[in-house]
Amino acid sequence: MGTLKEAEGLAELGLYAEAWDALDSLPAVERVMPSALRVRIDCCPHLNAWSDGMQIAKFLRHGTDINRLASANFYLELARFCVEHDELAAAKKAVHDFAATLPDAQKHLMNDPLVKLLL
């Protein structure tokens, strides 16, 4: 059975599939803790687990600052993915979700080349 620290370390090393597996081996109550969900959401873009990421982001966006930041980072990665695949409506929604998650970051967001492309 893996530990959260093991999953965090694997993700930091870029071993996202291994981190995901370590998270899956945690007891159920630990898997749904925000700290574990933050690791999982960081893995999602690298594993094309967009649907899982969207569900986690919806949950984390209403939490602490660190949880909201993890959610917002996911939304930006989702927007980039959508732009790369010519899904502009989905990209705009992801940017909107980012702005709703971190309203104080909207000025920074307006300087992002991705957002300028979508405007």
C-alpha atoms as a PDB file:
ATOM      1  CA  MET A   1       0.000   0.000   0.000  1.00  0.00           C
ATOM      2  CA  GLY A   2       1.380   3.415  -1.020  1.00  0.00           C
ATOM      3  CA  THR A   3       1.453   6.595   0.967  1.00  0.00           C
ATOM      4  CA  LEU A   4       0.495  10.142   0.095  1.00  0.00           C
ATOM      5  CA  LYS A   5       4.142  11.213   0.438  1.00  0.00           C
ATOM      6  CA  GLU A   6       5.110   8.505  -2.059  1.00  0.00           C
ATOM      7  CA  ALA A   7       2.460   9.710  -4.520  1.00  0.00           C
ATOM      8  CA  GLU A   8       3.612  13.326  -4.101  1.00  0.00           C
ATOM      9  CA  GLY A   9       7.217  12.335  -4.728  1.00  0.00           C
ATOM     10  CA  LEU A  10       6.361  10.332  -7.814  1.00  0.00           C
ATOM     11  CA  ALA A  11       4.335  13.217  -9.246  1.00  0.00           C
ATOM     12  CA  GLU A  12       7.175  15.653  -8.549  1.00  0.00           C
ATOM     13  CA  LEU A  13       9.475  13.344 -10.522  1.00  0.00           C
ATOM     14  CA  GLY A  14       7.055  13.333 -13.440  1.00  0.00           C
ATOM     15  CA  LEU A  15       6.040   9.717 -12.829  1.00  0.00           C
ATOM     16  CA  TYR A  16       2.357  10.514 -13.104  1.00  0.00           C
ATOM     17  CA  ALA A  17       1.008   7.032 -13.800  1.00  0.00           C
ATOM     18  CA  GLU A  18       2.930   5.674 -10.833  1.00  0.00           C
ATOM     19  CA  ALA A  19       1.669   8.527  -8.648  1.00  0.00           C
ATOM     20  CA  TRP A  20      -1.889   7.768  -9.780  1.00  0.00           C
ATOM     21  CA  ASP A  21      -1.433   4.110  -8.858  1.00  0.00           C
ATOM     22  CA  ALA A  22      -0.009   5.073  -5.462  1.00  0.00           C
ATOM     23  CA  LEU A  23      -3.072   7.241  -4.854  1.00  0.00           C
ATOM     24  CA  ASP A  24      -5.349   4.383  -5.883  1.00  0.00           C
ATOM     25  CA  SER A  25      -3.683   2.155  -3.291  1.00  0.00           C
ATOM     26  CA  LEU A  26      -4.468   4.534  -0.425  1.00  0.00           C
ATOM     27  CA  PRO A  27      -7.331   3.676   1.927  1.00  0.00           C
ATOM     28  CA  ALA A  28     -10.615   5.115   0.605  1.00  0.00           C
ATOM     29  CA  VAL A  29     -10.841   7.805   3.272  1.00  0.00           C
ATOM     30  CA  GLU A  30      -7.346   9.096   2.379  1.00  0.00           C
ATOM     31  CA  ARG A  31      -8.041   9.079  -1.378  1.00  0.00           C
ATOM     32  CA  VAL A  32     -10.692  11.762  -1.015  1.00  0.00           C
ATOM     33  CA  MET A  33      -8.675  14.071   1.227  1.00  0.00           C
ATOM     34  CA  PRO A  34      -7.895  17.413  -0.443  1.00  0.00           C
ATOM     35  CA  SER A  35      -4.141  16.760  -0.229  1.00  0.00           C
ATOM     36  CA  ALA A  36      -4.545  13.540  -2.229  1.00  0.00           C
ATOM     37  CA  LEU A  37      -6.934  15.199  -4.680  1.00  0.00           C
ATOM     38  CA  ARG A  38      -4.368  17.951  -5.303  1.00  0.00           C
ATOM     39  CA  VAL A  39      -1.800  15.342  -6.306  1.00  0.00           C
ATOM     40  CA  ARG A  40      -4.334  13.578  -8.503  1.00  0.00           C
ATOM     41  CA  ILE A  41      -5.443  16.770 -10.250  1.00  0.00           C
ATOM     42  CA  ASP A  42      -1.796  17.559 -10.995  1.00  0.00           C
ATOM     43  CA  CYS A  43      -1.503  14.159 -12.678  1.00  0.00           C
ATOM     44  CA  CYS A  44      -4.693  14.486 -14.731  1.00  0.00           C
ATOM     45  CA  PRO A  45      -3.364  16.586 -17.655  1.00  0.00           C
ATOM     46  CA  HIS A  46      -0.359  14.293 -18.056  1.00  0.00           C
ATOM     47  CA  LEU A  47      -2.553  11.200 -18.193  1.00  0.00           C
ATOM     48  CA  ASN A  48      -5.335  12.691 -20.338  1.00  0.00           C
ATOM     49  CA  ALA A  49      -7.678  12.189 -17.400  1.00  0.00           C
ATOM     50  CA  TRP A  50      -9.631  15.351 -18.218  1.00  0.00           C
ATOM     51  CA  SER A  51     -12.996  14.111 -16.989  1.00  0.00           C
ATOM     52  CA  ASP A  52     -11.541  13.077 -13.629  1.00  0.00           C
ATOM     53  CA  GLY A  53      -9.755  16.413 -13.411  1.00  0.00           C
ATOM     54  CA  MET A  54     -12.929  18.373 -14.060  1.00  0.00           C
ATOM     55  CA  GLN A  55     -14.718  16.560 -11.241  1.00  0.00           C
ATOM     56  CA  ILE A  56     -11.842  17.146  -8.832  1.00  0.00           C
ATOM     57  CA  ALA A  57     -11.527  20.796  -9.894  1.00  0.00           C
ATOM     58  CA  LYS A  58     -15.227  21.383  -9.151  1.00  0.00           C
ATOM     59  CA  PHE A  59     -14.668  20.089  -5.647  1.00  0.00           C
ATOM     60  CA  LEU A  60     -11.369  21.860  -4.929  1.00  0.00           C
ATOM     61  CA  ARG A  61     -12.421  25.249  -6.294  1.00  0.00           C
ATOM     62  CA  HIS A  62     -14.546  25.892  -3.213  1.00  0.00           C
ATOM     63  CA  GLY A  63     -11.833  25.072  -0.686  1.00  0.00           C
ATOM     64  CA  THR A  64      -8.748  26.661   0.764  1.00  0.00           C
ATOM     65  CA  ASP A  65      -6.408  28.898  -1.215  1.00  0.00           C
ATOM     66  CA  ILE A  66      -4.105  25.991  -2.057  1.00  0.00           C
ATOM     67  CA  ASN A  67      -7.045  23.890  -3.243  1.00  0.00           C
ATOM     68  CA  ARG A  68      -8.407  26.738  -5.373  1.00  0.00           C
ATOM     69  CA  LEU A  69      -4.963  27.257  -6.895  1.00  0.00           C
ATOM     70  CA  ALA A  70      -4.721  23.567  -7.836  1.00  0.00           C
ATOM     71  CA  SER A  71      -8.166  23.780  -9.401  1.00  0.00           C
ATOM     72  CA  ALA A  72      -7.305  26.965 -11.312  1.00  0.00           C
ATOM     73  CA  ASN A  73      -4.070  25.481 -12.635  1.00  0.00           C
ATOM     74  CA  PHE A  74      -6.023  22.509 -13.928  1.00  0.00           C
ATOM     75  CA  TYR A  75      -8.511  24.790 -15.681  1.00  0.00           C
ATOM     76  CA  LEU A  76      -5.663  26.566 -17.496  1.00  0.00           C
ATOM     77  CA  GLU A  77      -4.183  23.241 -18.592  1.00  0.00           C
ATOM     78  CA  LEU A  78      -7.636  22.185 -19.791  1.00  0.00           C
ATOM     79  CA  ALA A  79      -7.999  25.427 -21.747  1.00  0.00           C
ATOM     80  CA  ARG A  80      -4.622  24.838 -23.438  1.00  0.00           C
ATOM     81  CA  PHE A  81      -5.620  21.274 -24.311  1.00  0.00           C
ATOM     82  CA  CYS A  82      -8.927  22.464 -25.757  1.00  0.00           C
ATOM     83  CA  VAL A  83      -7.227  25.145 -27.875  1.00  0.00           C
ATOM     84  CA  GLU A  84      -4.764  22.566 -29.214  1.00  0.00           C
ATOM     85  CA  HIS A  85      -7.737  20.451 -30.286  1.00  0.00           C
ATOM     86  CA  ASP A  86      -9.732  23.349 -31.771  1.00  0.00           C
ATOM     87  CA  GLU A  87     -12.382  23.137 -29.064  1.00  0.00           C
ATOM     88  CA  LEU A  88     -12.641  26.879 -28.506  1.00  0.00           C
ATOM     89  CA  ALA A  89     -15.997  26.856 -26.703  1.00  0.00           C
ATOM     90  CA  ALA A  90     -14.630  24.374 -24.164  1.00  0.00           C
ATOM     91  CA  ALA A  91     -11.447  26.435 -23.838  1.00  0.00           C
ATOM     92  CA  LYS A  92     -13.484  29.568 -23.106  1.00  0.00           C
ATOM     93  CA  LYS A  93     -15.461  27.679 -20.456  1.00  0.00           C
ATOM     94  CA  ALA A  94     -12.227  26.491 -18.848  1.00  0.00           C
ATOM     95  CA  VAL A  95     -10.919  30.078 -18.754  1.00  0.00           C
ATOM     96  CA  HIS A  96     -14.226  31.204 -17.251  1.00  0.00           C
ATOM     97  CA  ASP A  97     -13.930  28.463 -14.615  1.00  0.00           C
ATOM     98  CA  PHE A  98     -10.375  29.635 -13.880  1.00  0.00           C
ATOM     99  CA  ALA A  99     -11.571  33.219 -13.397  1.00  0.00           C
ATOM    100  CA  ALA A 100     -14.429  32.095 -11.151  1.00  0.00           C
ATOM    101  CA  THR A 101     -12.043  29.987  -9.083  1.00  0.00           C
ATOM    102  CA  LEU A 102      -9.406  32.710  -8.643  1.00  0.00           C
ATOM    103  CA  PRO A 103     -11.115  36.076  -9.153  1.00  0.00           C
ATOM    104  CA  ASP A 104      -8.036  37.937  -7.853  1.00  0.00           C
ATOM    105  CA  ALA A 105      -5.945  36.479 -10.681  1.00  0.00           C
ATOM    106  CA  GLN A 106      -8.038  37.912 -13.507  1.00  0.00           C
ATOM    107  CA  LYS A 107      -5.540  40.709 -14.257  1.00  0.00           C
ATOM    108  CA  HIS A 108      -2.760  38.129 -14.590  1.00  0.00           C
ATOM    109  CA  LEU A 109      -5.031  36.005 -16.741  1.00  0.00           C
ATOM    110  CA  MET A 110      -5.564  38.835 -19.210  1.00  0.00           C
ATOM    111  CA  ASN A 111      -1.811  38.808 -19.947  1.00  0.00           C
ATOM    112  CA  ASP A 112      -1.792  35.101 -20.766  1.00  0.00           C
ATOM    113  CA  PRO A 113      -1.343  34.531 -24.530  1.00  0.00           C
ATOM    114  CA  LEU A 114      -3.899  31.728 -24.412  1.00  0.00           C
ATOM    115  CA  VAL A 115      -6.573  34.034 -23.044  1.00  0.00           C
ATOM    116  CA  LYS A 116      -5.722  36.745 -25.579  1.00  0.00           C
ATOM    117  CA  LEU A 117      -6.266  34.166 -28.317  1.00  0.00           C
ATOM    118  CA  LEU A 118      -9.722  33.371 -26.978  1.00  0.00           C
ATOM    119  CA  LEU A 119     -10.876  36.986 -26.645  1.00  0.00           C
END
